[in-house]
C-alpha atoms as a PDB file:
ATOM      1  CA  MET A   1     -17.860  14.500 -19.634  1.00  0.00           C
ATOM      2  CA  ASN A   2     -17.730  14.864 -15.884  1.00  0.00           C
ATOM      3  CA  ASN A   3     -15.366  12.670 -13.857  1.00  0.00           C
ATOM      4  CA  ASN A   4     -15.192  12.766 -10.064  1.00  0.00           C
ATOM      5  CA  ASN A   5     -11.929  10.940  -9.278  1.00  0.00           C
ATOM      6  CA  SER A   6     -11.479   8.816  -6.192  1.00  0.00           C
ATOM      7  CA  THR A   7      -9.014   6.064  -5.396  1.00  0.00           C
ATOM      8  CA  ASN A   8     -10.248   2.452  -5.179  1.00  0.00           C
ATOM      9  CA  LYS A   9     -13.918   3.355  -5.590  1.00  0.00           C
ATOM     10  CA  MET A  10     -16.100   1.292  -7.874  1.00  0.00           C
ATOM     11  CA  ARG A  11     -16.797   3.241 -11.043  1.00  0.00           C
ATOM     12  CA  ALA A  12     -20.013   3.470 -13.043  1.00  0.00           C
ATOM     13  CA  LEU A  13     -20.266   5.049 -16.482  1.00  0.00           C
ATOM     14  CA  VAL A  14     -23.680   6.694 -16.879  1.00  0.00           C
ATOM     15  CA  ILE A  15     -24.685   7.619 -20.426  1.00  0.00           C
ATOM     16  CA  GLU A  16     -27.577  10.054 -20.482  1.00  0.00           C
ATOM     17  CA  HIS A  17     -28.586  10.159 -24.122  1.00  0.00           C
ATOM     18  CA  GLN A  18     -28.542  13.604 -25.685  1.00  0.00           C
ATOM     19  CA  ASN A  19     -32.169  13.144 -26.812  1.00  0.00           C
ATOM     20  CA  ILE A  20     -33.376  13.181 -23.207  1.00  0.00           C
ATOM     21  CA  THR A  21     -35.286  16.390 -22.575  1.00  0.00           C
ATOM     22  CA  PRO A  22     -33.622  18.517 -19.867  1.00  0.00           C
ATOM     23  CA  ASN A  23     -35.575  18.538 -16.592  1.00  0.00           C
ATOM     24  CA  SER A  24     -37.981  15.899 -17.896  1.00  0.00           C
ATOM     25  CA  PHE A  25     -39.058  13.025 -15.652  1.00  0.00           C
ATOM     26  CA  ALA A  26     -36.490  10.749 -17.310  1.00  0.00           C
ATOM     27  CA  ASP A  27     -33.771  13.354 -16.794  1.00  0.00           C
ATOM     28  CA  ARG A  28     -34.679  13.857 -13.130  1.00  0.00           C
ATOM     29  CA  ALA A  29     -34.880  10.085 -12.566  1.00  0.00           C
ATOM     30  CA  THR A  30     -31.403   9.595 -14.025  1.00  0.00           C
ATOM     31  CA  LYS A  31     -29.952  12.374 -11.890  1.00  0.00           C
ATOM     32  CA  SER A  32     -31.660  10.893  -8.826  1.00  0.00           C
ATOM     33  CA  LEU A  33     -30.046   7.534  -9.597  1.00  0.00           C
ATOM     34  CA  ILE A  34     -26.637   9.193  -9.951  1.00  0.00           C
ATOM     35  CA  ALA A  35     -27.083  10.899  -6.578  1.00  0.00           C
ATOM     36  CA  GLU A  36     -28.098   7.587  -4.990  1.00  0.00           C
ATOM     37  CA  LEU A  37     -25.034   5.827  -6.410  1.00  0.00           C
ATOM     38  CA  GLU A  38     -22.743   8.612  -5.220  1.00  0.00           C
ATOM     39  CA  SER A  39     -24.230   8.330  -1.730  1.00  0.00           C
ATOM     40  CA  ARG A  40     -23.024   4.708  -1.798  1.00  0.00           C
ATOM     41  CA  THR A  41     -19.463   5.892  -2.568  1.00  0.00           C
ATOM     42  CA  ILE A  42     -19.652   4.940  -6.236  1.00  0.00           C
ATOM     43  CA  GLU A  43     -17.525   7.061  -8.558  1.00  0.00           C
ATOM     44  CA  ILE A  44     -19.681   8.371 -11.400  1.00  0.00           C
ATOM     45  CA  VAL A  45     -18.411   9.165 -14.879  1.00  0.00           C
ATOM     46  CA  THR A  46     -21.100  10.782 -17.027  1.00  0.00           C
ATOM     47  CA  ALA A  47     -21.303  11.050 -20.801  1.00  0.00           C
ATOM     48  CA  THR A  48     -23.933  12.607 -23.065  1.00  0.00           C
ATOM     49  CA  SER A  49     -22.695  11.128 -26.348  1.00  0.00           C
ATOM     50  CA  TYR A  50     -21.564   7.707 -27.486  1.00  0.00           C
ATOM     51  CA  GLU A  51     -18.278   9.150 -28.733  1.00  0.00           C
ATOM     52  CA  ASP A  52     -17.608  10.491 -25.251  1.00  0.00           C
ATOM     53  CA  ALA A  53     -18.563   7.158 -23.691  1.00  0.00           C
ATOM     54  CA  ARG A  54     -16.346   5.212 -26.085  1.00  0.00           C
ATOM     55  CA  ALA A  55     -13.392   7.412 -25.123  1.00  0.00           C
ATOM     56  CA  VAL A  56     -13.993   6.579 -21.451  1.00  0.00           C
ATOM     57  CA  ILE A  57     -14.230   2.851 -22.201  1.00  0.00           C
ATOM     58  CA  MET A  58     -11.017   2.828 -24.215  1.00  0.00           C
ATOM     59  CA  ALA A  59      -9.053   4.932 -21.715  1.00  0.00           C
ATOM     60  CA  SER A  60     -10.064   3.442 -18.367  1.00  0.00           C
ATOM     61  CA  GLN A  61     -11.750   0.578 -16.553  1.00  0.00           C
ATOM     62  CA  ILE A  62     -15.343   0.733 -15.333  1.00  0.00           C
ATOM     63  CA  ASP A  63     -17.363  -1.567 -13.076  1.00  0.00           C
ATOM     64  CA  SER A  64     -20.739  -1.012 -14.741  1.00  0.00           C
ATOM     65  CA  LEU A  65     -22.407   0.894 -17.554  1.00  0.00           C
ATOM     66  CA  VAL A  66     -25.804   2.558 -17.160  1.00  0.00           C
ATOM     67  CA  LEU A  67     -27.516   3.530 -20.400  1.00  0.00           C
ATOM     68  CA  ALA A  68     -30.435   5.970 -20.085  1.00  0.00           C
ATOM     69  CA  LEU A  69     -32.480   6.069 -23.292  1.00  0.00           C
ATOM     70  CA  GLU A  70     -35.298   8.266 -24.530  1.00  0.00           C
ATOM     71  CA  LYS A  71     -35.931   7.180 -28.088  1.00  0.00           C
ATOM     72  CA  THR A  72     -38.957   6.320 -30.164  1.00  0.00           C
ATOM     73  CA  GLU A  73     -39.790   2.692 -30.934  1.00  0.00           C
ATOM     74  CA  GLU A  74     -38.490   3.077 -34.497  1.00  0.00           C
ATOM     75  CA  GLN A  75     -35.250   4.693 -33.327  1.00  0.00           C
ATOM     76  CA  ILE A  76     -34.593   1.898 -30.839  1.00  0.00           C
ATOM     77  CA  VAL A  77     -35.322  -0.888 -33.325  1.00  0.00           C
ATOM     78  CA  ASN A  78     -33.136   0.572 -36.062  1.00  0.00           C
ATOM     79  CA  SER A  79     -30.340   2.033 -33.976  1.00  0.00           C
ATOM     80  CA  HIS A  80     -26.905   0.419 -34.036  1.00  0.00           C
ATOM     81  CA  GLU A  81     -25.108   3.040 -31.930  1.00  0.00           C
ATOM     82  CA  GLU A  82     -25.877   1.348 -28.634  1.00  0.00           C
ATOM     83  CA  VAL A  83     -24.989  -2.103 -29.985  1.00  0.00           C
ATOM     84  CA  ASP A  84     -21.654  -0.878 -31.342  1.00  0.00           C
ATOM     85  CA  LEU A  85     -20.814   0.836 -28.053  1.00  0.00           C
ATOM     86  CA  LEU A  86     -21.656  -2.217 -25.946  1.00  0.00           C
ATOM     87  CA  ALA A  87     -19.712  -4.450 -28.327  1.00  0.00           C
ATOM     88  CA  ALA A  88     -16.654  -2.230 -27.824  1.00  0.00           C
ATOM     89  CA  LEU A  89     -17.125  -2.359 -24.052  1.00  0.00           C
ATOM     90  CA  GLN A  90     -17.536  -6.133 -23.931  1.00  0.00           C
ATOM     91  CA  ALA A  91     -14.515  -6.668 -26.170  1.00  0.00           C
ATOM     92  CA  ARG A  92     -12.450  -4.796 -23.591  1.00  0.00           C
ATOM     93  CA  GLN A  93     -14.253  -5.904 -20.402  1.00  0.00           C
ATOM     94  CA  PRO A  94     -16.293  -9.022 -21.254  1.00  0.00           C
ATOM     95  CA  GLU A  95     -18.229  -9.458 -17.997  1.00  0.00           C
ATOM     96  CA  VAL A  96     -18.914  -5.847 -16.990  1.00  0.00           C
ATOM     97  CA  PRO A  97     -22.632  -5.432 -16.079  1.00  0.00           C
ATOM     98  CA  VAL A  98     -24.800  -3.245 -18.329  1.00  0.00           C
ATOM     99  CA  PHE A  99     -28.065  -1.613 -17.204  1.00  0.00           C
ATOM    100  CA  LEU A 100     -30.695  -0.048 -19.442  1.00  0.00           C
ATOM    101  CA  LEU A 101     -33.045   2.679 -18.192  1.00  0.00           C
ATOM    102  CA  ALA A 102     -36.097   3.513 -20.297  1.00  0.00           C
ATOM    103  CA  GLU A 103     -39.818   4.133 -20.049  1.00  0.00           C
ATOM    104  CA  ARG A 104     -41.817   0.970 -19.295  1.00  0.00           C
ATOM    105  CA  ALA A 105     -43.950   1.487 -22.413  1.00  0.00           C
ATOM    106  CA  ARG A 106     -40.835   1.319 -24.526  1.00  0.00           C
ATOM    107  CA  THR A 107     -38.943  -1.363 -22.671  1.00  0.00           C
ATOM    108  CA  SER A 108     -41.814  -3.745 -23.461  1.00  0.00           C
ATOM    109  CA  ILE A 109     -41.274  -3.251 -27.187  1.00  0.00           C
ATOM    110  CA  LEU A 110     -37.503  -3.343 -27.283  1.00  0.00           C
ATOM    111  CA  ASN A 111     -37.219  -5.923 -30.034  1.00  0.00           C
ATOM    112  CA  ASN A 112     -33.696  -4.931 -30.980  1.00  0.00           C
ATOM    113  CA  ARG A 113     -32.359  -8.396 -30.169  1.00  0.00           C
ATOM    114  CA  GLN A 114     -28.690  -7.450 -30.572  1.00  0.00           C
ATOM    115  CA  LEU A 115     -29.085  -4.685 -28.014  1.00  0.00           C
ATOM    116  CA  MET A 116     -30.978  -6.750 -25.469  1.00  0.00           C
ATOM    117  CA  GLU A 117     -28.470  -9.618 -25.708  1.00  0.00           C
ATOM    118  CA  ARG A 118     -25.809  -7.226 -24.417  1.00  0.00           C
ATOM    119  CA  VAL A 119     -27.887  -5.811 -21.539  1.00  0.00           C
ATOM    120  CA  ASP A 120     -27.913  -7.525 -18.139  1.00  0.00           C
ATOM    121  CA  GLU A 121     -30.881  -5.752 -16.537  1.00  0.00           C
ATOM    122  CA  CYS A 122     -33.541  -3.314 -17.732  1.00  0.00           C
ATOM    123  CA  TYR A 123     -35.509  -0.879 -15.554  1.00  0.00           C
ATOM    124  CA  SER A 124     -38.284   1.643 -15.965  1.00  0.00           C
ATOM    125  CA  VAL A 125     -37.565   5.221 -14.958  1.00  0.00           C
ATOM    126  CA  LEU A 126     -41.310   5.658 -14.371  1.00  0.00           C
ATOM    127  CA  GLU A 127     -41.786   2.787 -11.932  1.00  0.00           C
ATOM    128  CA  ASP A 128     -38.562   1.537 -10.309  1.00  0.00           C
ATOM    129  CA  THR A 129     -37.100   3.656  -7.502  1.00  0.00           C
ATOM    130  CA  ALA A 130     -33.586   5.075  -7.515  1.00  0.00           C
ATOM    131  CA  ASP A 131     -32.830   3.251  -4.263  1.00  0.00           C
ATOM    132  CA  PHE A 132     -33.788  -0.143  -5.729  1.00  0.00           C
ATOM    133  CA  VAL A 133     -31.985   0.319  -9.051  1.00  0.00           C
ATOM    134  CA  ALA A 134     -28.867   1.651  -7.304  1.00  0.00           C
ATOM    135  CA  GLY A 135     -28.899  -1.393  -5.041  1.00  0.00           C
ATOM    136  CA  ARG A 136     -29.052  -3.712  -8.048  1.00  0.00           C
ATOM    137  CA  ILE A 137     -26.219  -1.852  -9.764  1.00  0.00           C
ATOM    138  CA  VAL A 138     -23.964  -1.909  -6.695  1.00  0.00           C
ATOM    139  CA  ALA A 139     -24.615  -5.629  -6.157  1.00  0.00           C
ATOM    140  CA  ALA A 140     -23.718  -6.364  -9.781  1.00  0.00           C
ATOM    141  CA  MET A 141     -20.558  -4.250  -9.530  1.00  0.00           C
ATOM    142  CA  ARG A 142     -19.446  -6.162  -6.444  1.00  0.00           C
ATOM    143  CA  ARG A 143     -20.028  -9.484  -8.192  1.00  0.00           C
ATOM    144  CA  TYR A 144     -18.055  -8.245 -11.179  1.00  0.00           C
ATOM    145  CA  ARG A 145     -15.116  -7.147  -9.054  1.00  0.00           C
ATOM    146  CA  SER A 146     -15.093 -10.427  -7.138  1.00  0.00           C
ATOM    147  CA  GLN A 147     -14.841 -12.322 -10.437  1.00  0.00           C
ATOM    148  CA  VAL A 148     -12.151 -10.082 -11.913  1.00  0.00           C
ATOM    149  CA  LEU A 149      -9.648 -10.285  -9.066  1.00  0.00           C
ATOM    150  CA  PRO A 150      -7.274 -13.274  -8.940  1.00  0.00           C
ATOM    151  CA  PRO A 151      -7.329 -15.357  -5.719  1.00  0.00           C
ATOM    152  CA  PHE A 152      -4.397 -13.818  -3.860  1.00  0.00           C
ATOM    153  CA  MET A 153      -5.257 -10.209  -4.687  1.00  0.00           C
ATOM    154  CA  LYS A 154      -8.850 -10.800  -3.599  1.00  0.00           C
ATOM    155  CA  ALA A 155      -7.709 -12.315  -0.288  1.00  0.00           C
ATOM    156  CA  MET A 156      -5.211  -9.516   0.324  1.00  0.00           C
ATOM    157  CA  MET A 157      -7.816  -6.807  -0.279  1.00  0.00           C
ATOM    158  CA  HIS A 158     -10.219  -8.595   2.073  1.00  0.00           C
ATOM    159  CA  TYR A 159      -7.451  -8.783   4.674  1.00  0.00           C
ATOM    160  CA  ASN A 160      -6.897  -5.040   4.325  1.00  0.00           C
ATOM    161  CA  ASP A 161     -10.634  -4.361   4.693  1.00  0.00           C
ATOM    162  CA  ILE A 162     -10.885  -6.099   8.091  1.00  0.00           C
ATOM    163  CA  HIS A 163      -8.067  -3.905   9.529  1.00  0.00           C
ATOM    164  CA  GLU A 164      -6.374  -6.714  11.420  1.00  0.00           C
ATOM    165  CA  TYR A 165      -3.699  -5.588  13.874  1.00  0.00           C
ATOM    166  CA  SER A 166      -0.654  -7.704  14.623  1.00  0.00           C
ATOM    167  CA  TRP A 167       2.445  -7.417  16.810  1.00  0.00           C
ATOM    168  CA  SER A 168       4.423  -9.644  14.462  1.00  0.00           C
ATOM    169  CA  ALA A 169       6.823  -8.669  11.677  1.00  0.00           C
ATOM    170  CA  PRO A 170       7.443  -6.377   9.880  1.00  0.00           C
ATOM    171  CA  GLY A 171       8.712  -3.888  12.400  1.00  0.00           C
ATOM    172  CA  HIS A 172       7.275  -0.806  10.723  1.00  0.00           C
ATOM    173  CA  GLN A 173       3.828  -1.914  12.013  1.00  0.00           C
ATOM    174  CA  GLY A 174       1.667  -1.041   9.054  1.00  0.00           C
ATOM    175  CA  GLY A 175       3.890   1.874   8.060  1.00  0.00           C
ATOM    176  CA  ILE A 176       3.337   3.839  11.277  1.00  0.00           C
ATOM    177  CA  GLY A 177       6.979   3.378  12.233  1.00  0.00           C
ATOM    178  CA  PHE A 178       7.990   5.442   9.218  1.00  0.00           C
ATOM    179  CA  THR A 179       5.863   8.417  10.274  1.00  0.00           C
ATOM    180  CA  LYS A 180       8.138   9.245  13.231  1.00  0.00           C
ATOM    181  CA  THR A 181      10.606  11.164  11.069  1.00  0.00           C
ATOM    182  CA  PRO A 182      10.123  13.772   8.316  1.00  0.00           C
ATOM    183  CA  ALA A 183      11.789  11.587   5.668  1.00  0.00           C
ATOM    184  CA  GLY A 184       9.902   8.492   6.781  1.00  0.00           C
ATOM    185  CA  ASN A 185       6.606  10.360   6.725  1.00  0.00           C
ATOM    186  CA  GLN A 186       7.198  11.411   3.116  1.00  0.00           C
ATOM    187  CA  PHE A 187       8.062   7.797   2.285  1.00  0.00           C
ATOM    188  CA  PHE A 188       4.787   6.647   3.884  1.00  0.00           C
ATOM    189  CA  GLU A 189       2.692   9.259   2.082  1.00  0.00           C
ATOM    190  CA  PHE A 190       4.352   8.563  -1.270  1.00  0.00           C
ATOM    191  CA  PHE A 191       3.398   4.870  -1.353  1.00  0.00           C
ATOM    192  CA  GLY A 192       0.196   5.093   0.682  1.00  0.00           C
ATOM    193  CA  GLU A 193      -0.987   3.211   3.739  1.00  0.00           C
ATOM    194  CA  ASN A 194      -2.382   0.162   1.926  1.00  0.00           C
ATOM    195  CA  LEU A 195       1.088  -0.907   0.805  1.00  0.00           C
ATOM    196  CA  PHE A 196       2.372  -1.041   4.373  1.00  0.00           C
ATOM    197  CA  ARG A 197      -0.773  -2.500   5.944  1.00  0.00           C
ATOM    198  CA  THR A 198      -0.594  -5.440   3.541  1.00  0.00           C
ATOM    199  CA  ASP A 199       3.150  -5.957   4.057  1.00  0.00           C
ATOM    200  CA  MET A 200       3.031  -9.073   6.197  1.00  0.00           C
ATOM    201  CA  GLY A 201       4.701 -12.355   7.023  1.00  0.00           C
ATOM    202  CA  ILE A 202       3.374 -15.881   6.577  1.00  0.00           C
ATOM    203  CA  GLU A 203       2.397 -15.985  10.251  1.00  0.00           C
ATOM    204  CA  ARG A 204      -0.757 -14.058   9.257  1.00  0.00           C
ATOM    205  CA  ALA A 205      -3.073 -17.049   8.852  1.00  0.00           C
ATOM    206  CA  ALA A 206      -5.660 -15.036   6.923  1.00  0.00           C
ATOM    207  CA  LEU A 207      -3.756 -15.527   3.658  1.00  0.00           C
ATOM    208  CA  GLY A 208      -2.351 -18.985   4.272  1.00  0.00           C
ATOM    209  CA  SER A 209       1.324 -19.846   3.960  1.00  0.00           C
ATOM    210  CA  LEU A 210       3.769 -19.448   1.100  1.00  0.00           C
ATOM    211  CA  LEU A 211       5.920 -22.237   2.547  1.00  0.00           C
ATOM    212  CA  ASP A 212       3.072 -24.694   3.145  1.00  0.00           C
ATOM    213  CA  HIS A 213       1.266 -23.817  -0.118  1.00  0.00           C
ATOM    214  CA  SER A 214      -1.995 -23.227   1.725  1.00  0.00           C
ATOM    215  CA  GLY A 215      -4.839 -20.720   1.724  1.00  0.00           C
ATOM    216  CA  ALA A 216      -4.780 -17.912  -0.827  1.00  0.00           C
ATOM    217  CA  PHE A 217      -1.232 -18.850  -1.834  1.00  0.00           C
ATOM    218  CA  LYS A 218      -2.386 -22.315  -2.858  1.00  0.00           C
ATOM    219  CA  ASP A 219      -5.449 -20.938  -4.645  1.00  0.00           C
ATOM    220  CA  SER A 220      -3.300 -18.515  -6.641  1.00  0.00           C
ATOM    221  CA  GLU A 221      -0.833 -21.257  -7.602  1.00  0.00           C
ATOM    222  CA  VAL A 222      -3.670 -23.508  -8.784  1.00  0.00           C
ATOM    223  CA  GLU A 223      -5.121 -20.625 -10.816  1.00  0.00           C
ATOM    224  CA  ALA A 224      -1.724 -19.770 -12.349  1.00  0.00           C
ATOM    225  CA  ALA A 225      -1.159 -23.398 -13.365  1.00  0.00           C
ATOM    226  CA  LYS A 226      -4.588 -23.443 -15.009  1.00  0.00           C
ATOM    227  CA  VAL A 227      -3.955 -20.192 -16.897  1.00  0.00           C
ATOM    228  CA  PHE A 228      -0.550 -21.266 -18.235  1.00  0.00           C
ATOM    229  CA  GLY A 229      -1.483 -24.900 -18.885  1.00  0.00           C
ATOM    230  CA  ALA A 230       0.962 -26.279 -16.305  1.00  0.00           C
ATOM    231  CA  HIS A 231       0.579 -29.218 -13.939  1.00  0.00           C
ATOM    232  CA  GLN A 232       1.748 -27.119 -11.009  1.00  0.00           C
ATOM    233  CA  SER A 233       3.031 -23.625 -10.247  1.00  0.00           C
ATOM    234  CA  TYR A 234       4.952 -22.078  -7.387  1.00  0.00           C
ATOM    235  CA  SER A 235       4.999 -18.566  -5.958  1.00  0.00           C
ATOM    236  CA  GLY A 236       8.373 -16.851  -5.834  1.00  0.00           C
ATOM    237  CA  ILE A 237       9.339 -13.787  -3.809  1.00  0.00           C
ATOM    238  CA  VAL A 238      12.721 -13.225  -5.466  1.00  0.00           C
ATOM    239  CA  GLY A 239      11.523 -11.685  -8.717  1.00  0.00           C
ATOM    240  CA  THR A 240      11.947 -13.080 -12.223  1.00  0.00           C
ATOM    241  CA  SER A 241      15.749 -13.220 -11.968  1.00  0.00           C
ATOM    242  CA  GLY A 242      15.655 -15.205  -8.739  1.00  0.00           C
ATOM    243  CA  SER A 243      12.952 -17.445 -10.196  1.00  0.00           C
ATOM    244  CA  ASN A 244      15.103 -18.149 -13.262  1.00  0.00           C
ATOM    245  CA  ARG A 245      18.004 -19.189 -11.046  1.00  0.00           C
ATOM    246  CA  THR A 246      15.679 -21.333  -8.922  1.00  0.00           C
ATOM    247  CA  ILE A 247      14.300 -23.151 -11.974  1.00  0.00           C
ATOM    248  CA  MET A 248      17.779 -23.793 -13.376  1.00  0.00           C
ATOM    249  CA  GLN A 249      19.034 -25.157 -10.060  1.00  0.00           C
ATOM    250  CA  ALA A 250      16.023 -27.475  -9.940  1.00  0.00           C
ATOM    251  CA  CYS A 251      16.505 -28.757 -13.496  1.00  0.00           C
ATOM    252  CA  LEU A 252      20.273 -28.804 -14.108  1.00  0.00           C
ATOM    253  CA  LYS A 253      23.332 -30.327 -12.495  1.00  0.00           C
ATOM    254  CA  ASP A 254      27.074 -30.193 -13.095  1.00  0.00           C
ATOM    255  CA  ASP A 255      28.124 -30.932 -16.707  1.00  0.00           C
ATOM    256  CA  ASP A 256      24.551 -31.029 -18.062  1.00  0.00           C
ATOM    257  CA  ILE A 257      24.065 -29.543 -21.524  1.00  0.00           C
ATOM    258  CA  ALA A 258      21.830 -26.453 -21.627  1.00  0.00           C
ATOM    259  CA  ILE A 259      20.673 -24.830 -24.890  1.00  0.00           C
ATOM    260  CA  CYS A 260      20.584 -21.054 -24.355  1.00  0.00           C
ATOM    261  CA  ASP A 261      19.984 -17.936 -26.393  1.00  0.00           C
ATOM    262  CA  ARG A 262      23.297 -16.051 -26.540  1.00  0.00           C
ATOM    263  CA  ASN A 263      21.315 -12.923 -25.804  1.00  0.00           C
ATOM    264  CA  CYS A 264      19.821 -14.477 -22.662  1.00  0.00           C
ATOM    265  CA  HIS A 265      19.260 -12.579 -19.444  1.00  0.00           C
ATOM    266  CA  LYS A 266      22.126 -12.417 -16.965  1.00  0.00           C
ATOM    267  CA  SER A 267      20.100 -14.488 -14.497  1.00  0.00           C
ATOM    268  CA  ILE A 268      20.364 -17.420 -16.944  1.00  0.00           C
ATOM    269  CA  GLU A 269      24.140 -16.971 -17.066  1.00  0.00           C
ATOM    270  CA  GLN A 270      24.195 -16.895 -13.269  1.00  0.00           C
ATOM    271  CA  GLY A 271      22.148 -20.108 -13.249  1.00  0.00           C
ATOM    272  CA  LEU A 272      24.735 -21.747 -15.507  1.00  0.00           C
ATOM    273  CA  ILE A 273      27.508 -20.735 -13.110  1.00  0.00           C
ATOM    274  CA  LEU A 274      25.606 -21.960 -10.047  1.00  0.00           C
ATOM    275  CA  THR A 275      24.712 -25.333 -11.570  1.00  0.00           C
ATOM    276  CA  GLY A 276      27.915 -26.005 -13.499  1.00  0.00           C
ATOM    277  CA  ALA A 277      25.919 -26.764 -16.648  1.00  0.00           C
ATOM    278  CA  ARG A 278      27.595 -26.401 -20.056  1.00  0.00           C
ATOM    279  CA  PRO A 279      25.834 -23.921 -22.356  1.00  0.00           C
ATOM    280  CA  ILE A 280      25.211 -24.408 -26.054  1.00  0.00           C
ATOM    281  CA  TYR A 281      24.597 -20.903 -27.290  1.00  0.00           C
ATOM    282  CA  MET A 282      22.162 -20.112 -30.085  1.00  0.00           C
ATOM    283  CA  VAL A 283      23.523 -16.935 -31.691  1.00  0.00           C
ATOM    284  CA  PRO A 284      20.763 -14.659 -33.045  1.00  0.00           C
ATOM    285  CA  SER A 285      21.037 -12.790 -36.330  1.00  0.00           C
ATOM    286  CA  ARG A 286      21.375  -9.017 -36.578  1.00  0.00           C
ATOM    287  CA  ASN A 287      20.305  -6.609 -39.276  1.00  0.00           C
ATOM    288  CA  CYS A 288      22.287  -3.653 -40.582  1.00  0.00           C
ATOM    289  CA  TYR A 289      21.106  -1.555 -37.634  1.00  0.00           C
ATOM    290  CA  GLY A 290      22.354  -4.077 -35.086  1.00  0.00           C
ATOM    291  CA  ILE A 291      18.842  -5.077 -34.079  1.00  0.00           C
ATOM    292  CA  ILE A 292      18.614  -8.697 -32.961  1.00  0.00           C
ATOM    293  CA  GLY A 293      16.543 -11.061 -35.098  1.00  0.00           C
ATOM    294  CA  PRO A 294      15.705 -14.775 -35.131  1.00  0.00           C
ATOM    295  CA  ILE A 295      18.065 -17.724 -34.696  1.00  0.00           C
ATOM    296  CA  SER A 296      18.871 -19.639 -37.889  1.00  0.00           C
ATOM    297  CA  GLN A 297      17.356 -23.074 -38.409  1.00  0.00           C
ATOM    298  CA  VAL A 298      20.835 -24.550 -38.984  1.00  0.00           C
ATOM    299  CA  GLN A 299      21.838 -23.793 -35.394  1.00  0.00           C
ATOM    300  CA  MET A 300      18.677 -25.420 -34.093  1.00  0.00           C
ATOM    301  CA  SER A 301      19.023 -28.599 -36.140  1.00  0.00           C
ATOM    302  CA  LYS A 302      19.949 -31.875 -34.468  1.00  0.00           C
ATOM    303  CA  GLU A 303      23.310 -31.906 -36.222  1.00  0.00           C
ATOM    304  CA  GLY A 304      24.083 -28.297 -35.311  1.00  0.00           C
ATOM    305  CA  ILE A 305      23.279 -28.867 -31.642  1.00  0.00           C
ATOM    306  CA  ALA A 306      25.317 -32.106 -31.574  1.00  0.00           C
ATOM    307  CA  LEU A 307      28.335 -30.310 -33.037  1.00  0.00           C
ATOM    308  CA  LYS A 308      28.139 -27.508 -30.482  1.00  0.00           C
ATOM    309  CA  ALA A 309      27.694 -30.030 -27.666  1.00  0.00           C
ATOM    310  CA  LYS A 310      30.846 -31.818 -28.766  1.00  0.00           C
ATOM    311  CA  ASN A 311      32.829 -28.584 -28.576  1.00  0.00           C
ATOM    312  CA  ALA A 312      31.173 -27.241 -25.422  1.00  0.00           C
END
């Protein structure tokens, strides 16, 4: 396996089947396609066996898979290796585009239905040019990436791509302010420029407003509500602990009864203090090793809760 690493590049896994004759037309066509993809700044991971390819799929993310085949009609019809590999890929990355390269004479008789159902596009190494096929692959990879990213991340990456310059906050101005000292320069290099270029305030209209629930912020909140089955969701910038306290202050008031796990996070305890709510603690069980287990049904019964509420 050969892997040319590069940050943030789209990645294509090219499987050149071991049956392909070295320096044959099919072999040269595949290598020409790889060169064309690399010229378009695509990171190429190559594999010559399905075991090798499966290891890549299980260990990392790819943006497309290109399968170059040179098999007889009988081998293609009866083979399950390709189907099993693509099934493993699509179980891990359901929408990743798959391309099949083969001789036109054989692509016309590919009646392995299970294989063809898992392939998005099929091309002939004898007729289609490397430039055309590479263009189709890159277009499919871009569509895939645009579907994978959630709304806010997609908008933030687009914002970074247009290299907008602003005199507004934050004062480090895209991280450049840190590069004026040796320590600051190391800090900048450690995290990378993208982190600082996308550190922005809500005055940057490109992403909308966190306070007004507009733009990409609104889109992300709508998407989050859909994913979690909620009527509405809100973005928080205070982490999970701050969000817990915010939720408790929105839902509880002084002397309200709150049922809490005794092993709850400290942010829940802080929420109880801030709101003045009275906790009813559910005490979890422990085994002989001190490992926390479930809460007994007795504690969670109506009678058990009523008794604890009376004594709270």
